[in-house]
């Protein structure tokens, strides 16, 4: 697994990093926003991509 493709996903509400994911940086230029479950907020929130 290449380290270049890894991105962090941070919760917008509590600002904690909960997930790691991959993306193809050649095809996807914008920052990813995904709605995922946050264990700290205990609800589904928007998670946004951070710099590695």
C-alpha atoms as a PDB file:
ATOM      1  CA  UNK A   1       0.000   0.000   0.000  1.00  0.00           C
ATOM      2  CA  UNK A   2       1.451   3.331  -1.044  1.00  0.00           C
ATOM      3  CA  UNK A   3       1.728   6.085   1.533  1.00  0.00           C
ATOM      4  CA  UNK A   4       1.166   8.722  -1.181  1.00  0.00           C
ATOM      5  CA  UNK A   5      -2.511   7.831  -1.559  1.00  0.00           C
ATOM      6  CA  UNK A   6      -3.398   7.971   2.146  1.00  0.00           C
ATOM      7  CA  UNK A   7      -5.523  10.820   3.496  1.00  0.00           C
ATOM      8  CA  UNK A   8      -6.886  11.624   6.966  1.00  0.00           C
ATOM      9  CA  UNK A   9     -10.572  12.290   7.579  1.00  0.00           C
ATOM     10  CA  UNK A  10     -11.397  14.730  10.372  1.00  0.00           C
ATOM     11  CA  UNK A  11     -14.783  15.301  11.991  1.00  0.00           C
ATOM     12  CA  UNK A  12     -16.042  18.846  11.404  1.00  0.00           C
ATOM     13  CA  UNK A  13     -17.764  19.076  14.792  1.00  0.00           C
ATOM     14  CA  UNK A  14     -15.234  17.738  17.294  1.00  0.00           C
ATOM     15  CA  UNK A  15     -12.108  18.119  15.052  1.00  0.00           C
ATOM     16  CA  UNK A  16     -10.832  14.609  15.802  1.00  0.00           C
ATOM     17  CA  UNK A  17      -9.199  12.400  13.198  1.00  0.00           C
ATOM     18  CA  UNK A  18     -11.282   9.228  13.068  1.00  0.00           C
ATOM     19  CA  UNK A  19     -10.581   7.609   9.701  1.00  0.00           C
ATOM     20  CA  UNK A  20      -7.846   7.015   7.141  1.00  0.00           C
ATOM     21  CA  UNK A  21      -8.696   6.514   3.493  1.00  0.00           C
ATOM     22  CA  UNK A  22      -7.172   6.491   0.012  1.00  0.00           C
ATOM     23  CA  UNK A  23      -7.804   8.573  -3.037  1.00  0.00           C
ATOM     24  CA  UNK A  24      -6.429   8.828  -6.548  1.00  0.00           C
ATOM     25  CA  UNK A  25      -4.826  12.256  -6.549  1.00  0.00           C
ATOM     26  CA  UNK A  26      -4.507  12.338 -10.337  1.00  0.00           C
ATOM     27  CA  UNK A  27      -8.258  12.043 -10.891  1.00  0.00           C
ATOM     28  CA  UNK A  28      -9.701  13.722  -7.776  1.00  0.00           C
ATOM     29  CA  UNK A  29      -8.353  17.233  -7.233  1.00  0.00           C
ATOM     30  CA  UNK A  30     -10.829  18.560  -4.680  1.00  0.00           C
ATOM     31  CA  UNK A  31     -10.926  17.721  -0.978  1.00  0.00           C
ATOM     32  CA  UNK A  32     -13.190  14.822  -0.071  1.00  0.00           C
ATOM     33  CA  UNK A  33     -16.146  15.265   2.292  1.00  0.00           C
ATOM     34  CA  UNK A  34     -17.880  12.107   3.522  1.00  0.00           C
ATOM     35  CA  UNK A  35     -20.643  11.602   6.053  1.00  0.00           C
ATOM     36  CA  UNK A  36     -19.414   8.987   8.539  1.00  0.00           C
ATOM     37  CA  UNK A  37     -20.051   7.953  12.111  1.00  0.00           C
ATOM     38  CA  UNK A  38     -17.979   9.776  14.742  1.00  0.00           C
ATOM     39  CA  UNK A  39     -17.442   7.698  17.905  1.00  0.00           C
ATOM     40  CA  UNK A  40     -16.745  10.836  19.963  1.00  0.00           C
ATOM     41  CA  UNK A  41     -19.873  12.750  18.901  1.00  0.00           C
ATOM     42  CA  UNK A  42     -21.878   9.486  18.774  1.00  0.00           C
ATOM     43  CA  UNK A  43     -23.668  10.470  15.579  1.00  0.00           C
ATOM     44  CA  UNK A  44     -23.134  10.715  11.822  1.00  0.00           C
ATOM     45  CA  UNK A  45     -21.224  13.867  10.921  1.00  0.00           C
ATOM     46  CA  UNK A  46     -19.369  15.240   7.913  1.00  0.00           C
ATOM     47  CA  UNK A  47     -15.708  14.253   7.791  1.00  0.00           C
ATOM     48  CA  UNK A  48     -13.342  16.338   5.664  1.00  0.00           C
ATOM     49  CA  UNK A  49      -9.959  15.490   4.227  1.00  0.00           C
ATOM     50  CA  UNK A  50      -6.858  16.877   5.931  1.00  0.00           C
ATOM     51  CA  UNK A  51      -3.262  17.178   4.853  1.00  0.00           C
ATOM     52  CA  UNK A  52      -1.173  14.166   5.758  1.00  0.00           C
END
